Amino acid sequence: MNLEQLQSFLTVAETGHFTNAAAELHVAQPTLSRHISTLETELGSELFNRARGNITLTAAGETLLPVASRMLADAEHIRFQMQELAGLRRGRVRLGAPPSMCVSVVAEVVGPYHQDYPGVDLHLRESGSHHLLNELVGGTLDLALIVASEHDPASAESLEHTPLFVEELVVVSAVPQHFAEHEVELSLRELAVLPQIVFSESYDLRAATMEAYRQHELSPKVVLEGAEMDAVLRFVEHGLGVAVVPATVLLDRPGLRSRRLIEPSLTRTIALAHRKDVQLSRAAGAMQNMILRTVADLAAENPAIRMVEAEL
């Protein structure tokens, strides 16, 4: 039994005539008759009473009619879904990103992506890079933005990492006095004496900054520690202190001033990762391309962001 046979049966039942059904299906009448005969043989029952000029359903035909209609309708629905998926009118993307990427690159990408592909379901997982890598390996994510320094060697064989950009860690403040003597940049030693808001210990940003202080035998003047990205930015906006943040988080935050950090300059590399053994769906591939275009646009506008092309 196949869909072509069921369609032939349904059309004959609707028209009550083999010749008319053949014309409607654009097949030769012998072909149509063969479809019906084969179907009857497979089912072991005659489906039509074939009186001259009067084709009616047998009891078996009456039983098959609603089943055939439902099966053909389901097949059409599946065909439509596949066509929609191929045209990116349906689908699903499961994207992971650290908090700093969620308030920057991801925030820039999600709106345009949803506008272009409104039928694609978007699922966002906000977490640290280590957790995101584990979820990629486990198959619960399609794509993840990760901090390259958090790259787990154990996942190297199963994950593909595409480096996107290197961004500087910059100092931000909402209080003009903090940068009164620093028009463009300031050193780590100059930063250490300013009231500073420090991230939670789970953030790679905190680890990188504190390691730099340790290497230069400096101690920061911490006024608050343990906050998450959104909270840190809000505290800075309210004038509580300064913070060291990635350059990308300054998007759409006109109330914050920034200065480049020197002696030393701190940077981090952001990569896009996915599983090697699973081909990206068209929906996920479109998300990947949009992320790449968005990052390129950001890098063109901000000297603290530099695109990279080398393999990790």
C-alpha atoms as a PDB file:
ATOM      1  CA  MET A   1       0.000   0.000   0.000  1.00  0.00           C
ATOM      2  CA  ASN A   2       1.320   3.420  -0.932  1.00  0.00           C
ATOM      3  CA  LEU A   3       0.049   6.981  -1.078  1.00  0.00           C
ATOM      4  CA  GLU A   4      -0.414   6.873  -4.845  1.00  0.00           C
ATOM      5  CA  GLN A   5      -2.763   3.887  -4.515  1.00  0.00           C
ATOM      6  CA  LEU A   6      -4.690   5.568  -1.710  1.00  0.00           C
ATOM      7  CA  GLN A   7      -5.039   8.767  -3.752  1.00  0.00           C
ATOM      8  CA  SER A   8      -6.358   6.741  -6.699  1.00  0.00           C
ATOM      9  CA  PHE A   9      -8.880   5.008  -4.436  1.00  0.00           C
ATOM     10  CA  LEU A  10     -10.026   8.275  -2.881  1.00  0.00           C
ATOM     11  CA  THR A  11     -10.462  10.024  -6.240  1.00  0.00           C
ATOM     12  CA  VAL A  12     -12.511   7.146  -7.706  1.00  0.00           C
ATOM     13  CA  ALA A  13     -14.665   7.146  -4.578  1.00  0.00           C
ATOM     14  CA  GLU A  14     -15.233  10.919  -4.880  1.00  0.00           C
ATOM     15  CA  THR A  15     -15.977  10.962  -8.633  1.00  0.00           C
ATOM     16  CA  GLY A  16     -17.762   7.606  -8.855  1.00  0.00           C
ATOM     17  CA  HIS A  17     -16.110   7.038 -12.204  1.00  0.00           C
ATOM     18  CA  PHE A  18     -12.776   5.556 -13.280  1.00  0.00           C
ATOM     19  CA  THR A  19     -12.461   7.674 -16.429  1.00  0.00           C
ATOM     20  CA  ASN A  20     -13.154  10.935 -14.595  1.00  0.00           C
ATOM     21  CA  ALA A  21     -10.804   9.975 -11.765  1.00  0.00           C
ATOM     22  CA  ALA A  22      -8.019   9.193 -14.238  1.00  0.00           C
ATOM     23  CA  ALA A  23      -8.496  12.578 -15.899  1.00  0.00           C
ATOM     24  CA  GLU A  24      -8.433  14.373 -12.545  1.00  0.00           C
ATOM     25  CA  LEU A  25      -5.229  12.595 -11.520  1.00  0.00           C
ATOM     26  CA  HIS A  26      -3.652  13.080 -14.970  1.00  0.00           C
ATOM     27  CA  VAL A  27      -2.911   9.353 -15.384  1.00  0.00           C
ATOM     28  CA  ALA A  28      -3.980   6.801 -17.971  1.00  0.00           C
ATOM     29  CA  GLN A  29      -7.053   4.819 -17.030  1.00  0.00           C
ATOM     30  CA  PRO A  30      -5.201   1.436 -17.186  1.00  0.00           C
ATOM     31  CA  THR A  31      -2.692   2.855 -14.688  1.00  0.00           C
ATOM     32  CA  LEU A  32      -5.481   3.952 -12.365  1.00  0.00           C
ATOM     33  CA  SER A  33      -7.170   0.548 -12.647  1.00  0.00           C
ATOM     34  CA  ARG A  34      -3.867  -1.157 -11.835  1.00  0.00           C
ATOM     35  CA  HIS A  35      -3.460   0.992  -8.688  1.00  0.00           C
ATOM     36  CA  ILE A  36      -6.907  -0.004  -7.469  1.00  0.00           C
ATOM     37  CA  SER A  37      -6.426  -3.679  -8.354  1.00  0.00           C
ATOM     38  CA  THR A  38      -3.083  -3.826  -6.534  1.00  0.00           C
ATOM     39  CA  LEU A  39      -4.572  -2.146  -3.474  1.00  0.00           C
ATOM     40  CA  GLU A  40      -7.468  -4.586  -3.412  1.00  0.00           C
ATOM     41  CA  THR A  41      -5.060  -7.522  -3.686  1.00  0.00           C
ATOM     42  CA  GLU A  42      -2.944  -6.226  -0.813  1.00  0.00           C
ATOM     43  CA  LEU A  43      -5.997  -5.674   1.392  1.00  0.00           C
ATOM     44  CA  GLY A  44      -7.691  -8.913   0.348  1.00  0.00           C
ATOM     45  CA  SER A  45     -11.032  -7.220  -0.364  1.00  0.00           C
ATOM     46  CA  GLU A  46     -12.785  -5.565  -3.257  1.00  0.00           C
ATOM     47  CA  LEU A  47     -13.273  -1.863  -2.662  1.00  0.00           C
ATOM     48  CA  PHE A  48     -15.762  -0.993  -5.409  1.00  0.00           C
ATOM     49  CA  ASN A  49     -18.957  -2.483  -6.822  1.00  0.00           C
ATOM     50  CA  ARG A  50     -18.265  -2.198 -10.551  1.00  0.00           C
ATOM     51  CA  ALA A  51     -21.682  -2.039 -12.203  1.00  0.00           C
ATOM     52  CA  ARG A  52     -21.763  -0.495 -15.691  1.00  0.00           C
ATOM     53  CA  GLY A  53     -21.973   3.250 -15.211  1.00  0.00           C
ATOM     54  CA  ASN A  54     -22.398   2.947 -11.459  1.00  0.00           C
ATOM     55  CA  ILE A  55     -19.292   2.674  -9.247  1.00  0.00           C
ATOM     56  CA  THR A  56     -20.077   2.399  -5.554  1.00  0.00           C
ATOM     57  CA  LEU A  57     -18.083   1.488  -2.459  1.00  0.00           C
ATOM     58  CA  THR A  58     -18.245  -1.954  -0.941  1.00  0.00           C
ATOM     59  CA  ALA A  59     -18.300  -2.416   2.832  1.00  0.00           C
ATOM     60  CA  ALA A  60     -14.517  -2.696   2.757  1.00  0.00           C
ATOM     61  CA  GLY A  61     -14.336   0.480   0.673  1.00  0.00           C
ATOM     62  CA  GLU A  62     -16.550   2.320   3.175  1.00  0.00           C
ATOM     63  CA  THR A  63     -14.200   1.230   5.961  1.00  0.00           C
ATOM     64  CA  LEU A  64     -11.095   2.314   4.094  1.00  0.00           C
ATOM     65  CA  LEU A  65     -12.458   5.713   2.984  1.00  0.00           C
ATOM     66  CA  PRO A  66     -11.991   7.709   6.237  1.00  0.00           C
ATOM     67  CA  VAL A  67      -8.672   5.990   6.929  1.00  0.00           C
ATOM     68  CA  ALA A  68      -7.355   6.812   3.455  1.00  0.00           C
ATOM     69  CA  SER A  69      -8.535  10.424   3.759  1.00  0.00           C
ATOM     70  CA  ARG A  70      -6.766  10.812   7.097  1.00  0.00           C
ATOM     71  CA  MET A  71      -3.557   9.190   5.866  1.00  0.00           C
ATOM     72  CA  LEU A  72      -3.427  11.422   2.791  1.00  0.00           C
ATOM     73  CA  ALA A  73      -4.136  14.484   4.921  1.00  0.00           C
ATOM     74  CA  ASP A  74      -1.350  13.527   7.330  1.00  0.00           C
ATOM     75  CA  ALA A  75       1.030  12.968   4.431  1.00  0.00           C
ATOM     76  CA  GLU A  76       0.192  16.394   3.020  1.00  0.00           C
ATOM     77  CA  HIS A  77       0.729  17.963   6.429  1.00  0.00           C
ATOM     78  CA  ILE A  78       4.133  16.315   6.752  1.00  0.00           C
ATOM     79  CA  ARG A  79       5.060  17.390   3.227  1.00  0.00           C
ATOM     80  CA  PHE A  80       4.074  20.961   4.039  1.00  0.00           C
ATOM     81  CA  GLN A  81       6.096  20.927   7.250  1.00  0.00           C
ATOM     82  CA  MET A  82       9.150  19.697   5.386  1.00  0.00           C
ATOM     83  CA  GLN A  83       8.716  22.385   2.743  1.00  0.00           C
ATOM     84  CA  GLU A  84       8.352  25.004   5.462  1.00  0.00           C
ATOM     85  CA  LEU A  85      11.468  23.726   7.197  1.00  0.00           C
ATOM     86  CA  ALA A  86      13.420  23.785   3.958  1.00  0.00           C
ATOM     87  CA  GLY A  87      12.316  27.367   3.420  1.00  0.00           C
ATOM     88  CA  LEU A  88      13.150  28.305   7.045  1.00  0.00           C
ATOM     89  CA  ARG A  89       9.525  28.984   7.833  1.00  0.00           C
ATOM     90  CA  ARG A  90       9.675  26.404  10.621  1.00  0.00           C
ATOM     91  CA  GLY A  91      12.401  24.923  12.760  1.00  0.00           C
ATOM     92  CA  ARG A  92      14.227  25.290  16.051  1.00  0.00           C
ATOM     93  CA  VAL A  93      17.510  26.794  17.179  1.00  0.00           C
ATOM     94  CA  ARG A  94      18.961  26.109  20.622  1.00  0.00           C
ATOM     95  CA  LEU A  95      21.640  28.742  21.270  1.00  0.00           C
ATOM     96  CA  GLY A  96      23.857  29.029  24.323  1.00  0.00           C
ATOM     97  CA  ALA A  97      25.890  32.045  25.418  1.00  0.00           C
ATOM     98  CA  PRO A  98      27.617  33.504  28.497  1.00  0.00           C
ATOM     99  CA  PRO A  99      25.810  36.439  30.176  1.00  0.00           C
ATOM    100  CA  SER A 100      28.169  38.988  28.620  1.00  0.00           C
ATOM    101  CA  MET A 101      27.294  37.694  25.137  1.00  0.00           C
ATOM    102  CA  CYS A 102      23.573  37.615  25.926  1.00  0.00           C
ATOM    103  CA  VAL A 103      23.511  41.354  26.666  1.00  0.00           C
ATOM    104  CA  SER A 104      25.574  42.159  23.578  1.00  0.00           C
ATOM    105  CA  VAL A 105      25.925  39.946  20.483  1.00  0.00           C
ATOM    106  CA  VAL A 106      22.889  37.753  21.184  1.00  0.00           C
ATOM    107  CA  ALA A 107      20.732  40.793  21.894  1.00  0.00           C
ATOM    108  CA  GLU A 108      21.776  42.212  18.523  1.00  0.00           C
ATOM    109  CA  VAL A 109      21.064  38.963  16.673  1.00  0.00           C
ATOM    110  CA  VAL A 110      17.779  37.673  18.102  1.00  0.00           C
ATOM    111  CA  GLY A 111      15.545  40.514  16.892  1.00  0.00           C
ATOM    112  CA  PRO A 112      16.626  40.476  13.218  1.00  0.00           C
ATOM    113  CA  TYR A 113      16.659  36.664  13.164  1.00  0.00           C
ATOM    114  CA  HIS A 114      13.097  36.445  14.472  1.00  0.00           C
ATOM    115  CA  GLN A 115      12.019  39.080  11.959  1.00  0.00           C
ATOM    116  CA  ASP A 116      13.528  37.109   9.071  1.00  0.00           C
ATOM    117  CA  TYR A 117      12.380  33.683  10.309  1.00  0.00           C
ATOM    118  CA  PRO A 118       9.308  34.206  12.535  1.00  0.00           C
ATOM    119  CA  GLY A 119       8.321  30.537  12.381  1.00  0.00           C
ATOM    120  CA  VAL A 120      11.602  29.275  13.875  1.00  0.00           C
ATOM    121  CA  ASP A 121      11.477  28.582  17.612  1.00  0.00           C
ATOM    122  CA  LEU A 122      14.396  30.154  19.478  1.00  0.00           C
ATOM    123  CA  HIS A 123      15.689  28.652  22.726  1.00  0.00           C
ATOM    124  CA  LEU A 124      18.405  30.551  24.630  1.00  0.00           C
ATOM    125  CA  ARG A 125      20.590  29.030  27.347  1.00  0.00           C
ATOM    126  CA  GLU A 126      22.549  31.562  29.415  1.00  0.00           C
ATOM    127  CA  SER A 127      25.444  29.980  31.295  1.00  0.00           C
ATOM    128  CA  GLY A 128      29.199  29.792  31.630  1.00  0.00           C
ATOM    129  CA  SER A 129      31.319  28.405  28.804  1.00  0.00           C
ATOM    130  CA  HIS A 130      32.126  25.132  30.592  1.00  0.00           C
ATOM    131  CA  HIS A 131      28.455  24.306  31.064  1.00  0.00           C
ATOM    132  CA  LEU A 132      27.644  25.284  27.484  1.00  0.00           C
ATOM    133  CA  LEU A 133      30.363  23.013  26.111  1.00  0.00           C
ATOM    134  CA  ASN A 134      28.976  20.102  28.121  1.00  0.00           C
ATOM    135  CA  GLU A 135      25.482  20.789  26.809  1.00  0.00           C
ATOM    136  CA  LEU A 136      26.761  20.896  23.236  1.00  0.00           C
ATOM    137  CA  VAL A 137      28.417  17.514  23.680  1.00  0.00           C
ATOM    138  CA  GLY A 138      25.220  16.194  25.274  1.00  0.00           C
ATOM    139  CA  GLY A 139      23.148  17.352  22.319  1.00  0.00           C
ATOM    140  CA  THR A 140      20.928  19.817  24.179  1.00  0.00           C
ATOM    141  CA  LEU A 141      22.327  22.808  22.269  1.00  0.00           C
ATOM    142  CA  ASP A 142      22.844  23.416  18.547  1.00  0.00           C
ATOM    143  CA  LEU A 143      25.250  26.346  18.821  1.00  0.00           C
ATOM    144  CA  ALA A 144      27.074  28.136  21.613  1.00  0.00           C
ATOM    145  CA  LEU A 145      29.128  31.285  21.912  1.00  0.00           C
ATOM    146  CA  ILE A 146      32.006  30.514  24.255  1.00  0.00           C
ATOM    147  CA  VAL A 147      35.058  32.184  25.716  1.00  0.00           C
ATOM    148  CA  ALA A 148      38.058  30.520  24.093  1.00  0.00           C
ATOM    149  CA  SER A 149      40.057  30.474  27.325  1.00  0.00           C
ATOM    150  CA  GLU A 150      37.325  28.242  28.737  1.00  0.00           C
ATOM    151  CA  HIS A 151      37.809  25.763  25.874  1.00  0.00           C
ATOM    152  CA  ASP A 152      37.730  22.241  27.305  1.00  0.00           C
ATOM    153  CA  PRO A 153      40.370  19.975  25.692  1.00  0.00           C
ATOM    154  CA  ALA A 154      38.140  16.974  26.410  1.00  0.00           C
ATOM    155  CA  SER A 155      35.547  18.326  23.971  1.00  0.00           C
ATOM    156  CA  ALA A 156      38.036  19.038  21.170  1.00  0.00           C
ATOM    157  CA  GLU A 157      37.374  15.769  19.353  1.00  0.00           C
ATOM    158  CA  SER A 158      33.598  16.155  19.303  1.00  0.00           C
ATOM    159  CA  LEU A 159      33.148  19.924  18.845  1.00  0.00           C
ATOM    160  CA  GLU A 160      33.979  22.333  16.045  1.00  0.00           C
ATOM    161  CA  HIS A 161      35.204  25.724  17.281  1.00  0.00           C
ATOM    162  CA  THR A 162      35.097  28.752  14.987  1.00  0.00           C
ATOM    163  CA  PRO A 163      36.927  31.799  16.402  1.00  0.00           C
ATOM    164  CA  LEU A 164      34.935  34.980  15.892  1.00  0.00           C
ATOM    165  CA  PHE A 165      36.672  37.964  17.460  1.00  0.00           C
ATOM    166  CA  VAL A 166      39.069  39.221  20.077  1.00  0.00           C
ATOM    167  CA  GLU A 167      37.679  41.939  22.305  1.00  0.00           C
ATOM    168  CA  GLU A 168      39.393  44.138  24.830  1.00  0.00           C
ATOM    169  CA  LEU A 169      38.302  44.332  28.436  1.00  0.00           C
ATOM    170  CA  VAL A 170      37.564  47.998  29.088  1.00  0.00           C
ATOM    171  CA  VAL A 171      36.853  50.038  32.186  1.00  0.00           C
ATOM    172  CA  VAL A 172      33.376  51.578  32.442  1.00  0.00           C
ATOM    173  CA  SER A 173      31.925  54.251  34.687  1.00  0.00           C
ATOM    174  CA  ALA A 174      29.000  56.647  34.881  1.00  0.00           C
ATOM    175  CA  VAL A 175      30.847  59.139  37.116  1.00  0.00           C
ATOM    176  CA  PRO A 176      32.909  61.760  35.223  1.00  0.00           C
ATOM    177  CA  GLN A 177      35.357  62.151  38.125  1.00  0.00           C
ATOM    178  CA  HIS A 178      36.531  58.565  37.755  1.00  0.00           C
ATOM    179  CA  PHE A 179      38.067  59.372  34.371  1.00  0.00           C
ATOM    180  CA  ALA A 180      38.966  63.004  34.991  1.00  0.00           C
ATOM    181  CA  GLU A 181      42.651  62.294  34.415  1.00  0.00           C
ATOM    182  CA  HIS A 182      42.166  59.569  31.815  1.00  0.00           C
ATOM    183  CA  GLU A 183      40.811  60.805  28.505  1.00  0.00           C
ATOM    184  CA  VAL A 184      41.482  57.650  26.475  1.00  0.00           C
ATOM    185  CA  GLU A 185      43.045  54.935  28.628  1.00  0.00           C
ATOM    186  CA  LEU A 186      44.293  54.054  32.078  1.00  0.00           C
ATOM    187  CA  SER A 187      46.722  51.542  33.520  1.00  0.00           C
ATOM    188  CA  LEU A 188      45.925  48.678  35.846  1.00  0.00           C
ATOM    189  CA  ARG A 189      47.729  50.553  38.636  1.00  0.00           C
ATOM    190  CA  GLU A 190      45.523  53.611  38.044  1.00  0.00           C
ATOM    191  CA  LEU A 191      42.453  51.383  37.962  1.00  0.00           C
ATOM    192  CA  ALA A 192      43.327  49.722  41.274  1.00  0.00           C
ATOM    193  CA  VAL A 193      42.679  52.917  43.284  1.00  0.00           C
ATOM    194  CA  LEU A 194      39.179  53.435  41.843  1.00  0.00           C
ATOM    195  CA  PRO A 195      36.113  51.954  43.581  1.00  0.00           C
ATOM    196  CA  GLN A 196      35.488  48.740  41.694  1.00  0.00           C
ATOM    197  CA  ILE A 197      32.546  46.371  41.273  1.00  0.00           C
ATOM    198  CA  VAL A 198      33.718  42.778  40.829  1.00  0.00           C
ATOM    199  CA  PHE A 199      31.871  39.919  39.169  1.00  0.00           C
ATOM    200  CA  SER A 200      30.866  36.607  40.658  1.00  0.00           C
ATOM    201  CA  GLU A 201      33.650  34.028  40.966  1.00  0.00           C
ATOM    202  CA  SER A 202      32.038  31.998  38.169  1.00  0.00           C
ATOM    203  CA  TYR A 203      32.950  34.691  35.602  1.00  0.00           C
ATOM    204  CA  ASP A 204      36.105  34.320  33.530  1.00  0.00           C
ATOM    205  CA  LEU A 205      36.211  38.139  33.538  1.00  0.00           C
ATOM    206  CA  ARG A 206      36.857  38.180  37.269  1.00  0.00           C
ATOM    207  CA  ALA A 207      39.526  35.498  37.027  1.00  0.00           C
ATOM    208  CA  ALA A 208      41.366  37.342  34.239  1.00  0.00           C
ATOM    209  CA  THR A 209      41.280  40.685  36.060  1.00  0.00           C
ATOM    210  CA  MET A 210      42.319  39.305  39.439  1.00  0.00           C
ATOM    211  CA  GLU A 211      45.170  37.335  37.870  1.00  0.00           C
ATOM    212  CA  ALA A 212      46.441  40.558  36.270  1.00  0.00           C
ATOM    213  CA  TYR A 213      46.344  42.318  39.666  1.00  0.00           C
ATOM    214  CA  ARG A 214      48.206  39.402  41.253  1.00  0.00           C
ATOM    215  CA  GLN A 215      50.937  39.384  38.603  1.00  0.00           C
ATOM    216  CA  HIS A 216      51.485  43.137  39.066  1.00  0.00           C
ATOM    217  CA  GLU A 217      51.327  42.860  42.871  1.00  0.00           C
ATOM    218  CA  LEU A 218      48.308  45.126  43.076  1.00  0.00           C
ATOM    219  CA  SER A 219      45.096  44.976  45.099  1.00  0.00           C
ATOM    220  CA  PRO A 220      41.881  46.517  43.722  1.00  0.00           C
ATOM    221  CA  LYS A 221      39.671  48.789  45.797  1.00  0.00           C
ATOM    222  CA  VAL A 222      36.558  46.579  45.772  1.00  0.00           C
ATOM    223  CA  VAL A 223      33.274  48.143  46.898  1.00  0.00           C
ATOM    224  CA  LEU A 224      31.039  45.228  45.850  1.00  0.00           C
ATOM    225  CA  GLU A 225      31.691  41.715  44.600  1.00  0.00           C
ATOM    226  CA  GLY A 226      29.714  38.675  43.549  1.00  0.00           C
ATOM    227  CA  ALA A 227      27.324  40.352  41.114  1.00  0.00           C
ATOM    228  CA  GLU A 228      26.081  39.065  37.752  1.00  0.00           C
ATOM    229  CA  MET A 229      26.517  40.955  34.465  1.00  0.00           C
ATOM    230  CA  ASP A 230      23.203  42.833  34.444  1.00  0.00           C
ATOM    231  CA  ALA A 231      23.608  43.840  38.077  1.00  0.00           C
ATOM    232  CA  VAL A 232      27.205  45.018  37.596  1.00  0.00           C
ATOM    233  CA  LEU A 233      26.186  47.265  34.723  1.00  0.00           C
ATOM    234  CA  ARG A 234      23.248  48.671  36.707  1.00  0.00           C
ATOM    235  CA  PHE A 235      25.463  49.375  39.731  1.00  0.00           C
ATOM    236  CA  VAL A 236      27.941  51.188  37.497  1.00  0.00           C
ATOM    237  CA  GLU A 237      25.131  53.201  35.904  1.00  0.00           C
ATOM    238  CA  HIS A 238      24.053  54.246  39.402  1.00  0.00           C
ATOM    239  CA  GLY A 239      27.547  55.526  40.182  1.00  0.00           C
ATOM    240  CA  LEU A 240      28.585  52.898  42.724  1.00  0.00           C
ATOM    241  CA  GLY A 241      31.942  52.340  41.076  1.00  0.00           C
ATOM    242  CA  VAL A 242      33.786  51.244  37.939  1.00  0.00           C
ATOM    243  CA  ALA A 243      33.926  47.780  36.407  1.00  0.00           C
ATOM    244  CA  VAL A 244      36.089  45.879  33.923  1.00  0.00           C
ATOM    245  CA  VAL A 245      33.819  44.508  31.204  1.00  0.00           C
ATOM    246  CA  PRO A 246      34.071  43.237  27.617  1.00  0.00           C
ATOM    247  CA  ALA A 247      33.862  45.973  25.010  1.00  0.00           C
ATOM    248  CA  THR A 248      30.749  44.452  23.401  1.00  0.00           C
ATOM    249  CA  VAL A 249      28.531  44.977  26.451  1.00  0.00           C
ATOM    250  CA  LEU A 250      28.617  48.747  25.891  1.00  0.00           C
ATOM    251  CA  LEU A 251      26.148  48.453  23.011  1.00  0.00           C
ATOM    252  CA  ASP A 252      23.120  50.681  23.611  1.00  0.00           C
ATOM    253  CA  ARG A 253      24.399  51.938  26.965  1.00  0.00           C
ATOM    254  CA  PRO A 254      24.860  55.686  26.392  1.00  0.00           C
ATOM    255  CA  GLY A 255      25.031  56.374  30.131  1.00  0.00           C
ATOM    256  CA  LEU A 256      28.366  54.587  30.469  1.00  0.00           C
ATOM    257  CA  ARG A 257      31.793  55.998  29.649  1.00  0.00           C
ATOM    258  CA  SER A 258      34.622  53.640  28.810  1.00  0.00           C
ATOM    259  CA  ARG A 259      38.394  53.765  28.797  1.00  0.00           C
ATOM    260  CA  ARG A 260      40.811  51.264  27.296  1.00  0.00           C
ATOM    261  CA  LEU A 261      42.939  49.376  29.802  1.00  0.00           C
ATOM    262  CA  ILE A 262      46.719  49.325  29.347  1.00  0.00           C
ATOM    263  CA  GLU A 263      49.726  47.972  31.215  1.00  0.00           C
ATOM    264  CA  PRO A 264      48.513  45.320  30.726  1.00  0.00           C
ATOM    265  CA  SER A 265      45.891  45.224  28.009  1.00  0.00           C
ATOM    266  CA  LEU A 266      43.403  42.426  28.767  1.00  0.00           C
ATOM    267  CA  THR A 267      41.567  40.633  25.972  1.00  0.00           C
ATOM    268  CA  ARG A 268      39.478  37.546  25.419  1.00  0.00           C
ATOM    269  CA  THR A 269      38.584  35.524  22.324  1.00  0.00           C
ATOM    270  CA  ILE A 270      35.000  34.550  21.577  1.00  0.00           C
ATOM    271  CA  ALA A 271      34.310  31.445  19.493  1.00  0.00           C
ATOM    272  CA  LEU A 272      31.211  29.760  18.096  1.00  0.00           C
ATOM    273  CA  ALA A 273      30.988  26.020  18.745  1.00  0.00           C
ATOM    274  CA  HIS A 274      28.852  23.127  17.545  1.00  0.00           C
ATOM    275  CA  ARG A 275      29.127  19.358  17.323  1.00  0.00           C
ATOM    276  CA  LYS A 276      31.261  17.918  14.532  1.00  0.00           C
ATOM    277  CA  ASP A 277      29.147  14.813  14.033  1.00  0.00           C
ATOM    278  CA  VAL A 278      25.816  16.622  13.648  1.00  0.00           C
ATOM    279  CA  GLN A 279      25.159  18.720  10.568  1.00  0.00           C
ATOM    280  CA  LEU A 280      23.644  22.076  11.442  1.00  0.00           C
ATOM    281  CA  SER A 281      20.016  22.429  10.453  1.00  0.00           C
ATOM    282  CA  ARG A 282      19.198  25.185   7.996  1.00  0.00           C
ATOM    283  CA  ALA A 283      17.693  27.174  10.855  1.00  0.00           C
ATOM    284  CA  ALA A 284      20.870  26.817  12.945  1.00  0.00           C
ATOM    285  CA  GLY A 285      23.019  27.544   9.894  1.00  0.00           C
ATOM    286  CA  ALA A 286      21.105  30.763   9.308  1.00  0.00           C
ATOM    287  CA  MET A 287      21.688  31.718  12.958  1.00  0.00           C
ATOM    288  CA  GLN A 288      25.411  31.038  12.566  1.00  0.00           C
ATOM    289  CA  ASN A 289      25.595  33.250   9.479  1.00  0.00           C
ATOM    290  CA  MET A 290      23.695  36.055  11.185  1.00  0.00           C
ATOM    291  CA  ILE A 291      26.026  35.919  14.183  1.00  0.00           C
ATOM    292  CA  LEU A 292      29.041  36.147  11.868  1.00  0.00           C
ATOM    293  CA  ARG A 293      27.591  39.158  10.014  1.00  0.00           C
ATOM    294  CA  THR A 294      26.638  40.896  13.258  1.00  0.00           C
ATOM    295  CA  VAL A 295      30.087  40.407  14.772  1.00  0.00           C
ATOM    296  CA  ALA A 296      31.729  41.726  11.611  1.00  0.00           C
ATOM    297  CA  ASP A 297      29.551  44.853  11.781  1.00  0.00           C
ATOM    298  CA  LEU A 298      30.430  45.386  15.451  1.00  0.00           C
ATOM    299  CA  ALA A 299      34.136  44.999  14.750  1.00  0.00           C
ATOM    300  CA  ALA A 300      33.950  47.542  11.936  1.00  0.00           C
ATOM    301  CA  GLU A 301      32.493  50.116  14.340  1.00  0.00           C
ATOM    302  CA  ASN A 302      34.571  49.470  17.462  1.00  0.00           C
ATOM    303  CA  PRO A 303      38.393  49.509  17.586  1.00  0.00           C
ATOM    304  CA  ALA A 304      38.306  47.414  20.778  1.00  0.00           C
ATOM    305  CA  ILE A 305      36.869  44.475  18.798  1.00  0.00           C
ATOM    306  CA  ARG A 306      38.973  42.627  16.214  1.00  0.00           C
ATOM    307  CA  MET A 307      37.822  39.816  13.945  1.00  0.00           C
ATOM    308  CA  VAL A 308      39.971  36.678  13.872  1.00  0.00           C
ATOM    309  CA  GLU A 309      40.149  33.904  11.336  1.00  0.00           C
ATOM    310  CA  ALA A 310      42.664  31.481  12.807  1.00  0.00           C
ATOM    311  CA  GLU A 311      41.579  28.066  14.062  1.00  0.00           C
ATOM    312  CA  LEU A 312      41.572  27.562  17.811  1.00  0.00           C
END
